[in-house]
Structure formats: C-alpha cells, structure tokens
Amino acid sequence: QVHLVESGGGLVQAGGSLRLSCAASGSIFSINTMVWYRQAPGKQRVLVASITSGVGTNYLDSVKGRFTISRDNNKNTVYLQMNSLKPEDTAVYYCNVVLREVGDTNFHNYWGQGTQVTVSS
C-alpha cells in the first residue's frame, strides 16, 4: 500500500510565492510520473504540471513561466514552486503519482489528500 501526503498550501497575497510538497511512502519499486492538479469550487479538476522519468515536464499554459515542478528521487517527493501567484490560482491542489510497487509488474495510480491555496488581491 502506498500513501501520498501533501503540504505547503496556505494564504498568500497576489505576486507572492508558495512551494507545495507531495511525499510518497510505502513499498515503492519505481515512480514513472508525478502530477499536480487543481480544482476551484464549481469547476473541473485540471492538470497543472507533470514530470515523467526519462521524458521531462509539461505545464498548463496559464502557469508557464511562473510554476516549476521538480522531484527528489531519493525522497520520493514531488514539488511545485509557485511564483507570481494570481487570484485565479486559488484552488485545492492535488498530487497524483503513477508508480510500480515491489512485487507487482503493473502501474498504479495514487492521489494525495489535497492542499488549499488561496491568493488574495
């Protein structure tokens, strides 16, 4: 069994910065892809940024140049550095990880609990 724990959300003024963290723990063999999603009230969940082993990164157009996704393989942790934050970035941010567990040849998908990011004007 694998668990994801998110942290780093909070309240910040427009133009400020936050860094989100998502740590995976359990019987992990390898991690393929780590992804950040966000969901605002009354709206659909959308992909914000992803990082894939041996491939690279991708970003939602509206966050390019402001957000940076990175990972620490030794800690099984993914980060989202968010700079120049705007009120439109206000949402619950969710981490998703695609990985293989020890003794299993199949890939599995796990979600974090979500962390609230609020950007004031």
PDB file of N, CA and C in Angstrom:
ATOM      1  N   GLN A   1       0.837  -1.182   0.000  1.00  0.00           N
ATOM      2  CA  GLN A   1       0.000   0.000   0.000  1.00  0.00           C
ATOM      3  C   GLN A   1       0.881   1.244   0.000  1.00  0.00           C
ATOM      4  N   VAL A   2       0.499   2.238  -0.799  1.00  0.00           N
ATOM      5  CA  VAL A   2       1.236   3.481  -0.935  1.00  0.00           C
ATOM      6  C   VAL A   2       0.355   4.643  -0.492  1.00  0.00           C
ATOM      7  N   HIS A   3       0.955   5.601   0.223  1.00  0.00           N
ATOM      8  CA  HIS A   3       0.249   6.793   0.657  1.00  0.00           C
ATOM      9  C   HIS A   3       0.981   8.039   0.197  1.00  0.00           C
ATOM     10  N   LEU A   4       0.214   9.067  -0.165  1.00  0.00           N
ATOM     11  CA  LEU A   4       0.745  10.357  -0.558  1.00  0.00           C
ATOM     12  C   LEU A   4       0.298  11.404   0.455  1.00  0.00           C
ATOM     13  N   VAL A   5       1.240  12.218   0.936  1.00  0.00           N
ATOM     14  CA  VAL A   5       0.942  13.270   1.895  1.00  0.00           C
ATOM     15  C   VAL A   5       1.388  14.603   1.325  1.00  0.00           C
ATOM     16  N   GLU A   6       0.453  15.562   1.221  1.00  0.00           N
ATOM     17  CA  GLU A   6       0.731  16.874   0.679  1.00  0.00           C
ATOM     18  C   GLU A   6       0.906  17.905   1.790  1.00  0.00           C
ATOM     19  N   SER A   7       1.684  18.948   1.498  1.00  0.00           N
ATOM     20  CA  SER A   7       1.865  20.047   2.426  1.00  0.00           C
ATOM     21  C   SER A   7       2.279  21.296   1.659  1.00  0.00           C
ATOM     22  N   GLY A   8       2.230  22.452   2.322  1.00  0.00           N
ATOM     23  CA  GLY A   8       2.731  23.691   1.750  1.00  0.00           C
ATOM     24  C   GLY A   8       1.686  24.699   1.321  1.00  0.00           C
ATOM     25  N   GLY A   9       0.416  24.339   1.352  1.00  0.00           N
ATOM     26  CA  GLY A   9      -0.628  25.278   0.977  1.00  0.00           C
ATOM     27  C   GLY A   9      -0.811  26.360   2.026  1.00  0.00           C
ATOM     28  N   GLY A  10      -1.560  27.406   1.654  1.00  0.00           N
ATOM     29  CA  GLY A  10      -1.813  28.487   2.585  1.00  0.00           C
ATOM     30  C   GLY A  10      -2.378  29.707   1.896  1.00  0.00           C
ATOM     31  N   LEU A  11      -2.380  30.819   2.625  1.00  0.00           N
ATOM     32  CA  LEU A  11      -2.879  32.098   2.132  1.00  0.00           C
ATOM     33  C   LEU A  11      -1.705  33.001   1.784  1.00  0.00           C
ATOM     34  N   VAL A  12      -1.750  33.594   0.593  1.00  0.00           N
ATOM     35  CA  VAL A  12      -0.676  34.462   0.138  1.00  0.00           C
ATOM     36  C   VAL A  12      -1.260  35.602  -0.686  1.00  0.00           C
ATOM     37  N   GLN A  13      -0.594  36.751  -0.677  1.00  0.00           N
ATOM     38  CA  GLN A  13      -1.028  37.881  -1.487  1.00  0.00           C
ATOM     39  C   GLN A  13      -0.642  37.684  -2.947  1.00  0.00           C
ATOM     40  N   ALA A  14      -1.380  38.332  -3.835  1.00  0.00           N
ATOM     41  CA  ALA A  14      -1.034  38.296  -5.248  1.00  0.00           C
ATOM     42  C   ALA A  14       0.405  38.753  -5.455  1.00  0.00           C
ATOM     43  N   GLY A  15       1.127  38.020  -6.303  1.00  0.00           N
ATOM     44  CA  GLY A  15       2.528  38.295  -6.536  1.00  0.00           C
ATOM     45  C   GLY A  15       3.464  37.512  -5.646  1.00  0.00           C
ATOM     46  N   GLY A  16       2.929  36.849  -4.635  1.00  0.00           N
ATOM     47  CA  GLY A  16       3.735  36.077  -3.714  1.00  0.00           C
ATOM     48  C   GLY A  16       4.033  34.683  -4.219  1.00  0.00           C
ATOM     49  N   SER A  17       4.663  33.877  -3.349  1.00  0.00           N
ATOM     50  CA  SER A  17       5.109  32.539  -3.724  1.00  0.00           C
ATOM     51  C   SER A  17       4.742  31.512  -2.666  1.00  0.00           C
ATOM     52  N   LEU A  18       4.565  30.281  -3.117  1.00  0.00           N
ATOM     53  CA  LEU A  18       4.378  29.127  -2.250  1.00  0.00           C
ATOM     54  C   LEU A  18       5.074  27.936  -2.886  1.00  0.00           C
ATOM     55  N   ARG A  19       5.480  26.977  -2.058  1.00  0.00           N
ATOM     56  CA  ARG A  19       6.018  25.718  -2.565  1.00  0.00           C
ATOM     57  C   ARG A  19       5.244  24.562  -1.959  1.00  0.00           C
ATOM     58  N   LEU A  20       4.625  23.764  -2.819  1.00  0.00           N
ATOM     59  CA  LEU A  20       3.892  22.587  -2.404  1.00  0.00           C
ATOM     60  C   LEU A  20       4.790  21.361  -2.453  1.00  0.00           C
ATOM     61  N   SER A  21       4.562  20.432  -1.529  1.00  0.00           N
ATOM     62  CA  SER A  21       5.297  19.179  -1.490  1.00  0.00           C
ATOM     63  C   SER A  21       4.325  18.012  -1.459  1.00  0.00           C
ATOM     64  N   CYS A  22       4.740  16.904  -2.051  1.00  0.00           N
ATOM     65  CA  CYS A  22       3.953  15.675  -2.032  1.00  0.00           C
ATOM     66  C   CYS A  22       4.918  14.510  -1.875  1.00  0.00           C
ATOM     67  N   ALA A  23       4.844  13.825  -0.750  1.00  0.00           N
ATOM     68  CA  ALA A  23       5.754  12.728  -0.439  1.00  0.00           C
ATOM     69  C   ALA A  23       5.027  11.393  -0.513  1.00  0.00           C
ATOM     70  N   ALA A  24       5.590  10.461  -1.269  1.00  0.00           N
ATOM     71  CA  ALA A  24       5.042   9.117  -1.391  1.00  0.00           C
ATOM     72  C   ALA A  24       5.802   8.165  -0.477  1.00  0.00           C
ATOM     73  N   SER A  25       5.069   7.292   0.202  1.00  0.00           N
ATOM     74  CA  SER A  25       5.695   6.318   1.087  1.00  0.00           C
ATOM     75  C   SER A  25       5.023   4.962   0.922  1.00  0.00           C
ATOM     76  N   GLY A  26       5.768   3.902   1.225  1.00  0.00           N
ATOM     77  CA  GLY A  26       5.269   2.549   1.090  1.00  0.00           C
ATOM     78  C   GLY A  26       6.244   1.682   0.323  1.00  0.00           C
ATOM     79  N   SER A  27       5.769   0.553  -0.153  1.00  0.00           N
ATOM     80  CA  SER A  27       6.609  -0.415  -0.862  1.00  0.00           C
ATOM     81  C   SER A  27       6.698  -0.045  -2.343  1.00  0.00           C
ATOM     82  N   ILE A  28       7.498   0.975  -2.627  1.00  0.00           N
ATOM     83  CA  ILE A  28       7.613   1.527  -3.974  1.00  0.00           C
ATOM     84  C   ILE A  28       8.807   0.917  -4.698  1.00  0.00           C
ATOM     85  N   PHE A  29       8.565   0.424  -5.907  1.00  0.00           N
ATOM     86  CA  PHE A  29       9.641  -0.097  -6.747  1.00  0.00           C
ATOM     87  C   PHE A  29      10.201   1.001  -7.652  1.00  0.00           C
ATOM     88  N   SER A  30       9.320   1.726  -8.325  1.00  0.00           N
ATOM     89  CA  SER A  30       9.749   2.812  -9.186  1.00  0.00           C
ATOM     90  C   SER A  30       8.582   3.767  -9.415  1.00  0.00           C
ATOM     91  N   ILE A  31       8.911   5.037  -9.665  1.00  0.00           N
ATOM     92  CA  ILE A  31       7.917   6.057  -9.959  1.00  0.00           C
ATOM     93  C   ILE A  31       8.078   6.504 -11.403  1.00  0.00           C
ATOM     94  N   ASN A  32       6.980   6.485 -12.150  1.00  0.00           N
ATOM     95  CA  ASN A  32       7.011   6.886 -13.546  1.00  0.00           C
ATOM     96  C   ASN A  32       6.669   8.360 -13.722  1.00  0.00           C
ATOM     97  N   THR A  33       5.513   8.770 -13.200  1.00  0.00           N
ATOM     98  CA  THR A  33       5.014  10.117 -13.425  1.00  0.00           C
ATOM     99  C   THR A  33       4.457  10.706 -12.133  1.00  0.00           C
ATOM    100  N   MET A  34       4.745  11.986 -11.906  1.00  0.00           N
ATOM    101  CA  MET A  34       4.191  12.716 -10.780  1.00  0.00           C
ATOM    102  C   MET A  34       3.513  13.965 -11.337  1.00  0.00           C
ATOM    103  N   VAL A  35       2.293  14.227 -10.868  1.00  0.00           N
ATOM    104  CA  VAL A  35       1.445  15.247 -11.467  1.00  0.00           C
ATOM    105  C   VAL A  35       0.791  16.094 -10.388  1.00  0.00           C
ATOM    106  N   TRP A  36       0.651  17.393 -10.673  1.00  0.00           N
ATOM    107  CA  TRP A  36      -0.143  18.294  -9.851  1.00  0.00           C
ATOM    108  C   TRP A  36      -1.405  18.697 -10.611  1.00  0.00           C
ATOM    109  N   TYR A  37      -2.553  18.540  -9.950  1.00  0.00           N
ATOM    110  CA  TYR A  37      -3.841  19.007 -10.439  1.00  0.00           C
ATOM    111  C   TYR A  37      -4.358  20.096  -9.500  1.00  0.00           C
ATOM    112  N   ARG A  38      -5.351  20.861  -9.976  1.00  0.00           N
ATOM    113  CA  ARG A  38      -6.033  21.787  -9.089  1.00  0.00           C
ATOM    114  C   ARG A  38      -7.511  21.852  -9.438  1.00  0.00           C
ATOM    115  N   GLN A  39      -8.318  22.186  -8.434  1.00  0.00           N
ATOM    116  CA  GLN A  39      -9.759  22.277  -8.611  1.00  0.00           C
ATOM    117  C   GLN A  39     -10.307  23.430  -7.779  1.00  0.00           C
ATOM    118  N   ALA A  40     -10.917  24.394  -8.456  1.00  0.00           N
ATOM    119  CA  ALA A  40     -11.585  25.507  -7.800  1.00  0.00           C
ATOM    120  C   ALA A  40     -13.053  25.152  -7.591  1.00  0.00           C
ATOM    121  N   PRO A  41     -13.731  25.779  -6.610  1.00  0.00           N
ATOM    122  CA  PRO A  41     -15.147  25.474  -6.360  1.00  0.00           C
ATOM    123  C   PRO A  41     -15.999  25.643  -7.609  1.00  0.00           C
ATOM    124  N   GLY A  42     -16.817  24.634  -7.902  1.00  0.00           N
ATOM    125  CA  GLY A  42     -17.707  24.683  -9.048  1.00  0.00           C
ATOM    126  C   GLY A  42     -17.050  24.444 -10.389  1.00  0.00           C
ATOM    127  N   LYS A  43     -15.752  24.108 -10.397  1.00  0.00           N
ATOM    128  CA  LYS A  43     -15.041  23.884 -11.645  1.00  0.00           C
ATOM    129  C   LYS A  43     -14.434  22.485 -11.680  1.00  0.00           C
ATOM    130  N   GLN A  44     -14.065  22.057 -12.877  1.00  0.00           N
ATOM    131  CA  GLN A  44     -13.459  20.748 -13.055  1.00  0.00           C
ATOM    132  C   GLN A  44     -11.998  20.746 -12.606  1.00  0.00           C
ATOM    133  N   ARG A  45     -11.525  19.567 -12.249  1.00  0.00           N
ATOM    134  CA  ARG A  45     -10.125  19.397 -11.908  1.00  0.00           C
ATOM    135  C   ARG A  45      -9.286  19.427 -13.185  1.00  0.00           C
ATOM    136  N   VAL A  46      -8.209  20.211 -13.169  1.00  0.00           N
ATOM    137  CA  VAL A  46      -7.360  20.358 -14.346  1.00  0.00           C
ATOM    138  C   VAL A  46      -5.912  20.049 -13.999  1.00  0.00           C
ATOM    139  N   LEU A  47      -5.176  19.570 -14.987  1.00  0.00           N
ATOM    140  CA  LEU A  47      -3.758  19.285 -14.816  1.00  0.00           C
ATOM    141  C   LEU A  47      -2.971  20.586 -14.839  1.00  0.00           C
ATOM    142  N   VAL A  48      -2.107  20.769 -13.848  1.00  0.00           N
ATOM    143  CA  VAL A  48      -1.293  21.969 -13.735  1.00  0.00           C
ATOM    144  C   VAL A  48       0.128  21.732 -14.240  1.00  0.00           C
ATOM    145  N   ALA A  49       0.746  20.638 -13.799  1.00  0.00           N
ATOM    146  CA  ALA A  49       2.117  20.335 -14.181  1.00  0.00           C
ATOM    147  C   ALA A  49       2.384  18.855 -13.979  1.00  0.00           C
ATOM    148  N   SER A  50       3.285  18.303 -14.784  1.00  0.00           N
ATOM    149  CA  SER A  50       3.667  16.905 -14.653  1.00  0.00           C
ATOM    150  C   SER A  50       5.151  16.743 -14.907  1.00  0.00           C
ATOM    151  N   ILE A  51       5.712  15.683 -14.337  1.00  0.00           N
ATOM    152  CA  ILE A  51       7.113  15.346 -14.569  1.00  0.00           C
ATOM    153  C   ILE A  51       7.202  13.832 -14.711  1.00  0.00           C
ATOM    154  N   THR A  52       7.830  13.378 -15.798  1.00  0.00           N
ATOM    155  CA  THR A  52       7.897  11.960 -16.129  1.00  0.00           C
ATOM    156  C   THR A  52       9.343  11.524 -16.279  1.00  0.00           C
ATOM    157  N   SER A  53       9.685  10.407 -15.670  1.00  0.00           N
ATOM    158  CA  SER A  53      11.052   9.880 -15.728  1.00  0.00           C
ATOM    159  C   SER A  53      11.464   9.622 -17.162  1.00  0.00           C
ATOM    160  N   GLY A  54      12.634  10.137 -17.536  1.00  0.00           N
ATOM    161  CA  GLY A  54      13.176   9.935 -18.865  1.00  0.00           C
ATOM    162  C   GLY A  54      12.514  10.745 -19.956  1.00  0.00           C
ATOM    163  N   VAL A  55      11.549  11.582 -19.618  1.00  0.00           N
ATOM    164  CA  VAL A  55      10.820  12.356 -20.615  1.00  0.00           C
ATOM    165  C   VAL A  55      10.960  13.857 -20.363  1.00  0.00           C
ATOM    166  N   GLY A  56      10.523  14.320 -19.188  1.00  0.00           N
ATOM    167  CA  GLY A  56      10.605  15.733 -18.875  1.00  0.00           C
ATOM    168  C   GLY A  56       9.336  16.263 -18.239  1.00  0.00           C
ATOM    169  N   THR A  57       9.089  17.561 -18.431  1.00  0.00           N
ATOM    170  CA  THR A  57       7.985  18.244 -17.765  1.00  0.00           C
ATOM    171  C   THR A  57       7.000  18.829 -18.755  1.00  0.00           C
ATOM    172  N   ASN A  58       5.762  19.040 -18.273  1.00  0.00           N
ATOM    173  CA  ASN A  58       4.726  19.728 -19.031  1.00  0.00           C
ATOM    174  C   ASN A  58       3.925  20.604 -18.086  1.00  0.00           C
ATOM    175  N   TYR A  59       3.380  21.720 -18.621  1.00  0.00           N
ATOM    176  CA  TYR A  59       2.672  22.692 -17.810  1.00  0.00           C
ATOM    177  C   TYR A  59       1.398  23.166 -18.484  1.00  0.00           C
ATOM    178  N   LEU A  60       0.413  23.498 -17.656  1.00  0.00           N
ATOM    179  CA  LEU A  60      -0.751  24.235 -18.112  1.00  0.00           C
ATOM    180  C   LEU A  60      -0.288  25.588 -18.652  1.00  0.00           C
ATOM    181  N   ASP A  61      -0.830  26.023 -19.778  1.00  0.00           N
ATOM    182  CA  ASP A  61      -0.365  27.250 -20.419  1.00  0.00           C
ATOM    183  C   ASP A  61      -0.390  28.458 -19.478  1.00  0.00           C
ATOM    184  N   SER A  62      -1.411  28.565 -18.654  1.00  0.00           N
ATOM    185  CA  SER A  62      -1.576  29.734 -17.804  1.00  0.00           C
ATOM    186  C   SER A  62      -0.563  29.817 -16.661  1.00  0.00           C
ATOM    187  N   VAL A  63       0.194  28.746 -16.407  1.00  0.00           N
ATOM    188  CA  VAL A  63       1.185  28.769 -15.335  1.00  0.00           C
ATOM    189  C   VAL A  63       2.612  28.715 -15.858  1.00  0.00           C
ATOM    190  N   LYS A  64       2.803  28.591 -17.157  1.00  0.00           N
ATOM    191  CA  LYS A  64       4.147  28.544 -17.728  1.00  0.00           C
ATOM    192  C   LYS A  64       4.918  29.818 -17.398  1.00  0.00           C
ATOM    193  N   GLY A  65       6.163  29.638 -16.974  1.00  0.00           N
ATOM    194  CA  GLY A  65       6.996  30.764 -16.591  1.00  0.00           C
ATOM    195  C   GLY A  65       6.819  31.194 -15.158  1.00  0.00           C
ATOM    196  N   ARG A  66       5.770  30.715 -14.486  1.00  0.00           N
ATOM    197  CA  ARG A  66       5.514  31.067 -13.088  1.00  0.00           C
ATOM    198  C   ARG A  66       5.681  29.874 -12.147  1.00  0.00           C
ATOM    199  N   PHE A  67       5.284  28.681 -12.596  1.00  0.00           N
ATOM    200  CA  PHE A  67       5.346  27.473 -11.777  1.00  0.00           C
ATOM    201  C   PHE A  67       6.468  26.570 -12.274  1.00  0.00           C
ATOM    202  N   THR A  68       7.090  25.843 -11.348  1.00  0.00           N
ATOM    203  CA  THR A  68       8.121  24.877 -11.689  1.00  0.00           C
ATOM    204  C   THR A  68       7.886  23.589 -10.912  1.00  0.00           C
ATOM    205  N   ILE A  69       7.810  22.465 -11.628  1.00  0.00           N
ATOM    206  CA  ILE A  69       7.676  21.163 -10.989  1.00  0.00           C
ATOM    207  C   ILE A  69       9.047  20.494 -10.938  1.00  0.00           C
ATOM    208  N   SER A  70       9.339  19.829  -9.831  1.00  0.00           N
ATOM    209  CA  SER A  70      10.602  19.128  -9.672  1.00  0.00           C
ATOM    210  C   SER A  70      10.389  17.922  -8.765  1.00  0.00           C
ATOM    211  N   ARG A  71      11.383  17.039  -8.721  1.00  0.00           N
ATOM    212  CA  ARG A  71      11.258  15.847  -7.882  1.00  0.00           C
ATOM    213  C   ARG A  71      12.586  15.499  -7.232  1.00  0.00           C
ATOM    214  N   ASP A  72      12.495  14.887  -6.070  1.00  0.00           N
ATOM    215  CA  ASP A  72      13.637  14.350  -5.356  1.00  0.00           C
ATOM    216  C   ASP A  72      13.449  12.839  -5.332  1.00  0.00           C
ATOM    217  N   ASN A  73      14.193  12.140  -6.165  1.00  0.00           N
ATOM    218  CA  ASN A  73      14.010  10.694  -6.300  1.00  0.00           C
ATOM    219  C   ASN A  73      14.366   9.927  -5.027  1.00  0.00           C
ATOM    220  N   ASN A  74      15.356  10.418  -4.288  1.00  0.00           N
ATOM    221  CA  ASN A  74      15.758   9.738  -3.058  1.00  0.00           C
ATOM    222  C   ASN A  74      14.683   9.809  -1.981  1.00  0.00           C
ATOM    223  N   LYS A  75      13.862  10.855  -2.022  1.00  0.00           N
ATOM    224  CA  LYS A  75      12.804  11.041  -1.034  1.00  0.00           C
ATOM    225  C   LYS A  75      11.418  10.696  -1.569  1.00  0.00           C
ATOM    226  N   ASN A  76      11.330  10.285  -2.834  1.00  0.00           N
ATOM    227  CA  ASN A  76      10.041  10.003  -3.476  1.00  0.00           C
ATOM    228  C   ASN A  76       9.073  11.172  -3.296  1.00  0.00           C
ATOM    229  N   THR A  77       9.579  12.366  -3.542  1.00  0.00           N
ATOM    230  CA  THR A  77       8.817  13.587  -3.306  1.00  0.00           C
ATOM    231  C   THR A  77       8.794  14.454  -4.559  1.00  0.00           C
ATOM    232  N   VAL A  78       7.635  15.047  -4.834  1.00  0.00           N
ATOM    233  CA  VAL A  78       7.490  15.996  -5.921  1.00  0.00           C
ATOM    234  C   VAL A  78       7.132  17.357  -5.336  1.00  0.00           C
ATOM    235  N   TYR A  79       7.648  18.423  -5.958  1.00  0.00           N
ATOM    236  CA  TYR A  79       7.419  19.782  -5.503  1.00  0.00           C
ATOM    237  C   TYR A  79       6.774  20.611  -6.609  1.00  0.00           C
ATOM    238  N   LEU A  80       6.042  21.628  -6.198  1.00  0.00           N
ATOM    239  CA  LEU A  80       5.535  22.624  -7.131  1.00  0.00           C
ATOM    240  C   LEU A  80       5.865  23.996  -6.570  1.00  0.00           C
ATOM    241  N   GLN A  81       6.860  24.647  -7.173  1.00  0.00           N
ATOM    242  CA  GLN A  81       7.218  26.011  -6.807  1.00  0.00           C
ATOM    243  C   GLN A  81       6.326  26.963  -7.584  1.00  0.00           C
ATOM    244  N   MET A  82       5.567  27.791  -6.874  1.00  0.00           N
ATOM    245  CA  MET A  82       4.606  28.694  -7.484  1.00  0.00           C
ATOM    246  C   MET A  82       5.018  30.134  -7.188  1.00  0.00           C
ATOM    247  N   ASN A  83       5.385  30.866  -8.218  1.00  0.00           N
ATOM    248  CA  ASN A  83       5.779  32.259  -8.103  1.00  0.00           C
ATOM    249  C   ASN A  83       4.779  33.150  -8.829  1.00  0.00           C
ATOM    250  N   SER A  84       4.823  34.443  -8.516  1.00  0.00           N
ATOM    251  CA  SER A  84       3.935  35.424  -9.151  1.00  0.00           C
ATOM    252  C   SER A  84       2.481  34.966  -9.122  1.00  0.00           C
ATOM    253  N   LEU A  85       2.036  34.533  -7.966  1.00  0.00           N
ATOM    254  CA  LEU A  85       0.696  33.972  -7.834  1.00  0.00           C
ATOM    255  C   LEU A  85      -0.386  35.004  -8.108  1.00  0.00           C
ATOM    256  N   LYS A  86      -1.472  34.530  -8.706  1.00  0.00           N
ATOM    257  CA  LYS A  86      -2.616  35.357  -9.058  1.00  0.00           C
ATOM    258  C   LYS A  86      -3.861  34.820  -8.365  1.00  0.00           C
ATOM    259  N   PRO A  87      -4.881  35.670  -8.152  1.00  0.00           N
ATOM    260  CA  PRO A  87      -6.123  35.181  -7.554  1.00  0.00           C
ATOM    261  C   PRO A  87      -6.731  34.004  -8.320  1.00  0.00           C
ATOM    262  N   GLU A  88      -6.527  33.941  -9.623  1.00  0.00           N
ATOM    263  CA  GLU A  88      -7.035  32.845 -10.440  1.00  0.00           C
ATOM    264  C   GLU A  88      -6.387  31.504 -10.104  1.00  0.00           C
ATOM    265  N   ASP A  89      -5.272  31.518  -9.383  1.00  0.00           N
ATOM    266  CA  ASP A  89      -4.611  30.289  -8.968  1.00  0.00           C
ATOM    267  C   ASP A  89      -5.249  29.670  -7.728  1.00  0.00           C
ATOM    268  N   THR A  90      -6.185  30.364  -7.108  1.00  0.00           N
ATOM    269  CA  THR A  90      -6.847  29.860  -5.910  1.00  0.00           C
ATOM    270  C   THR A  90      -7.589  28.564  -6.215  1.00  0.00           C
ATOM    271  N   ALA A  91      -7.273  27.505  -5.469  1.00  0.00           N
ATOM    272  CA  ALA A  91      -7.861  26.194  -5.697  1.00  0.00           C
ATOM    273  C   ALA A  91      -7.330  25.220  -4.660  1.00  0.00           C
ATOM    274  N   VAL A  92      -7.913  24.026  -4.641  1.00  0.00           N
ATOM    275  CA  VAL A  92      -7.322  22.910  -3.920  1.00  0.00           C
ATOM    276  C   VAL A  92      -6.386  22.196  -4.886  1.00  0.00           C
ATOM    277  N   TYR A  93      -5.153  21.995  -4.472  1.00  0.00           N
ATOM    278  CA  TYR A  93      -4.149  21.357  -5.310  1.00  0.00           C
ATOM    279  C   TYR A  93      -3.959  19.910  -4.869  1.00  0.00           C
ATOM    280  N   TYR A  94      -3.984  18.995  -5.849  1.00  0.00           N
ATOM    281  CA  TYR A  94      -3.880  17.569  -5.592  1.00  0.00           C
ATOM    282  C   TYR A  94      -2.661  16.987  -6.296  1.00  0.00           C
ATOM    283  N   CYS A  95      -1.963  16.113  -5.602  1.00  0.00           N
ATOM    284  CA  CYS A  95      -0.847  15.374  -6.171  1.00  0.00           C
ATOM    285  C   CYS A  95      -1.325  14.009  -6.650  1.00  0.00           C
ATOM    286  N   ASN A  96      -0.817  13.564  -7.795  1.00  0.00           N
ATOM    287  CA  ASN A  96      -1.098  12.235  -8.314  1.00  0.00           C
ATOM    288  C   ASN A  96       0.205  11.587  -8.765  1.00  0.00           C
ATOM    289  N   VAL A  97       0.399  10.318  -8.406  1.00  0.00           N
ATOM    290  CA  VAL A  97       1.638   9.615  -8.728  1.00  0.00           C
ATOM    291  C   VAL A  97       1.316   8.296  -9.398  1.00  0.00           C
ATOM    292  N   VAL A  98       1.988   8.025 -10.504  1.00  0.00           N
ATOM    293  CA  VAL A  98       1.893   6.744 -11.200  1.00  0.00           C
ATOM    294  C   VAL A  98       3.175   5.971 -10.906  1.00  0.00           C
ATOM    295  N   LEU A  99       3.043   4.778 -10.310  1.00  0.00           N
ATOM    296  CA  LEU A  99       4.213   4.053  -9.842  1.00  0.00           C
ATOM    297  C   LEU A  99       4.004   2.546  -9.904  1.00  0.00           C
ATOM    298  N   ARG A 100       5.104   1.833  -9.722  1.00  0.00           N
ATOM    299  CA  ARG A 100       5.073   0.382  -9.550  1.00  0.00           C
ATOM    300  C   ARG A 100       5.454   0.046  -8.120  1.00  0.00           C
ATOM    301  N   GLU A 101       4.724  -0.891  -7.535  1.00  0.00           N
ATOM    302  CA  GLU A 101       5.034  -1.375  -6.199  1.00  0.00           C
ATOM    303  C   GLU A 101       5.909  -2.624  -6.270  1.00  0.00           C
ATOM    304  N   VAL A 102       6.639  -2.887  -5.205  1.00  0.00           N
ATOM    305  CA  VAL A 102       7.508  -4.058  -5.143  1.00  0.00           C
ATOM    306  C   VAL A 102       6.681  -5.327  -5.336  1.00  0.00           C
ATOM    307  N   GLY A 103       7.138  -6.212  -6.239  1.00  0.00           N
ATOM    308  CA  GLY A 103       6.462  -7.473  -6.479  1.00  0.00           C
ATOM    309  C   GLY A 103       5.281  -7.393  -7.420  1.00  0.00           C
ATOM    310  N   ASP A 104       5.065  -6.249  -8.051  1.00  0.00           N
ATOM    311  CA  ASP A 104       3.933  -6.035  -8.948  1.00  0.00           C
ATOM    312  C   ASP A 104       4.450  -5.451 -10.259  1.00  0.00           C
ATOM    313  N   THR A 105       4.105  -6.081 -11.383  1.00  0.00           N
ATOM    314  CA  THR A 105       4.550  -5.598 -12.683  1.00  0.00           C
ATOM    315  C   THR A 105       3.656  -4.509 -13.254  1.00  0.00           C
ATOM    316  N   ASN A 106       2.510  -4.260 -12.637  1.00  0.00           N
ATOM    317  CA  ASN A 106       1.558  -3.270 -13.125  1.00  0.00           C
ATOM    318  C   ASN A 106       1.803  -1.895 -12.512  1.00  0.00           C
ATOM    319  N   PHE A 107       1.431  -0.855 -13.253  1.00  0.00           N
ATOM    320  CA  PHE A 107       1.457   0.509 -12.732  1.00  0.00           C
ATOM    321  C   PHE A 107       0.163   0.803 -11.985  1.00  0.00           C
ATOM    322  N   HIS A 108       0.268   1.612 -10.930  1.00  0.00           N
ATOM    323  CA  HIS A 108      -0.888   2.018 -10.146  1.00  0.00           C
ATOM    324  C   HIS A 108      -0.875   3.525  -9.933  1.00  0.00           C
ATOM    325  N   ASN A 109      -2.048   4.069  -9.672  1.00  0.00           N
ATOM    326  CA  ASN A 109      -2.280   5.500  -9.587  1.00  0.00           C
ATOM    327  C   ASN A 109      -2.769   5.845  -8.175  1.00  0.00           C
ATOM    328  N   TYR A 110      -2.104   6.831  -7.521  1.00  0.00           N
ATOM    329  CA  TYR A 110      -2.476   7.242  -6.170  1.00  0.00           C
ATOM    330  C   TYR A 110      -2.649   8.753  -6.100  1.00  0.00           C
ATOM    331  N   TRP A 111      -3.581   9.195  -5.239  1.00  0.00           N
ATOM    332  CA  TRP A 111      -3.893  10.613  -5.042  1.00  0.00           C
ATOM    333  C   TRP A 111      -3.519  11.075  -3.639  1.00  0.00           C
ATOM    334  N   GLY A 112      -3.040  12.313  -3.547  1.00  0.00           N
ATOM    335  CA  GLY A 112      -2.873  12.968  -2.265  1.00  0.00           C
ATOM    336  C   GLY A 112      -4.193  13.498  -1.750  1.00  0.00           C
ATOM    337  N   GLN A 113      -4.190  14.015  -0.518  1.00  0.00           N
ATOM    338  CA  GLN A 113      -5.431  14.452   0.123  1.00  0.00           C
ATOM    339  C   GLN A 113      -5.881  15.841  -0.310  1.00  0.00           C
ATOM    340  N   GLY A 114      -5.017  16.587  -0.969  1.00  0.00           N
ATOM    341  CA  GLY A 114      -5.319  17.945  -1.384  1.00  0.00           C
ATOM    342  C   GLY A 114      -4.836  18.970  -0.377  1.00  0.00           C
ATOM    343  N   THR A 115      -4.395  20.125  -0.874  1.00  0.00           N
ATOM    344  CA  THR A 115      -3.983  21.227  -0.014  1.00  0.00           C
ATOM    345  C   THR A 115      -4.514  22.532  -0.605  1.00  0.00           C
ATOM    346  N   GLN A 116      -5.076  23.383   0.255  1.00  0.00           N
ATOM    347  CA  GLN A 116      -5.725  24.617  -0.185  1.00  0.00           C
ATOM    348  C   GLN A 116      -4.703  25.712  -0.431  1.00  0.00           C
ATOM    349  N   VAL A 117      -4.803  26.349  -1.598  1.00  0.00           N
ATOM    350  CA  VAL A 117      -4.018  27.533  -1.932  1.00  0.00           C
ATOM    351  C   VAL A 117      -4.989  28.679  -2.169  1.00  0.00           C
ATOM    352  N   THR A 118      -4.828  29.766  -1.415  1.00  0.00           N
ATOM    353  CA  THR A 118      -5.686  30.933  -1.558  1.00  0.00           C
ATOM    354  C   THR A 118      -4.823  32.159  -1.822  1.00  0.00           C
ATOM    355  N   VAL A 119      -5.102  32.848  -2.925  1.00  0.00           N
ATOM    356  CA  VAL A 119      -4.346  34.033  -3.323  1.00  0.00           C
ATOM    357  C   VAL A 119      -5.282  35.236  -3.237  1.00  0.00           C
ATOM    358  N   SER A 120      -4.945  36.189  -2.394  1.00  0.00           N
ATOM    359  CA  SER A 120      -5.769  37.371  -2.200  1.00  0.00           C
ATOM    360  C   SER A 120      -5.319  38.504  -3.113  1.00  0.00           C
ATOM    361  N   SER A 121      -6.247  39.447  -3.374  1.00  0.00           N
ATOM    362  CA  SER A 121      -5.938  40.604  -4.202  1.00  0.00           C
ATOM    363  C   SER A 121      -5.192  41.668  -3.424  1.00  0.00           C
TER     364      SER A 121
END
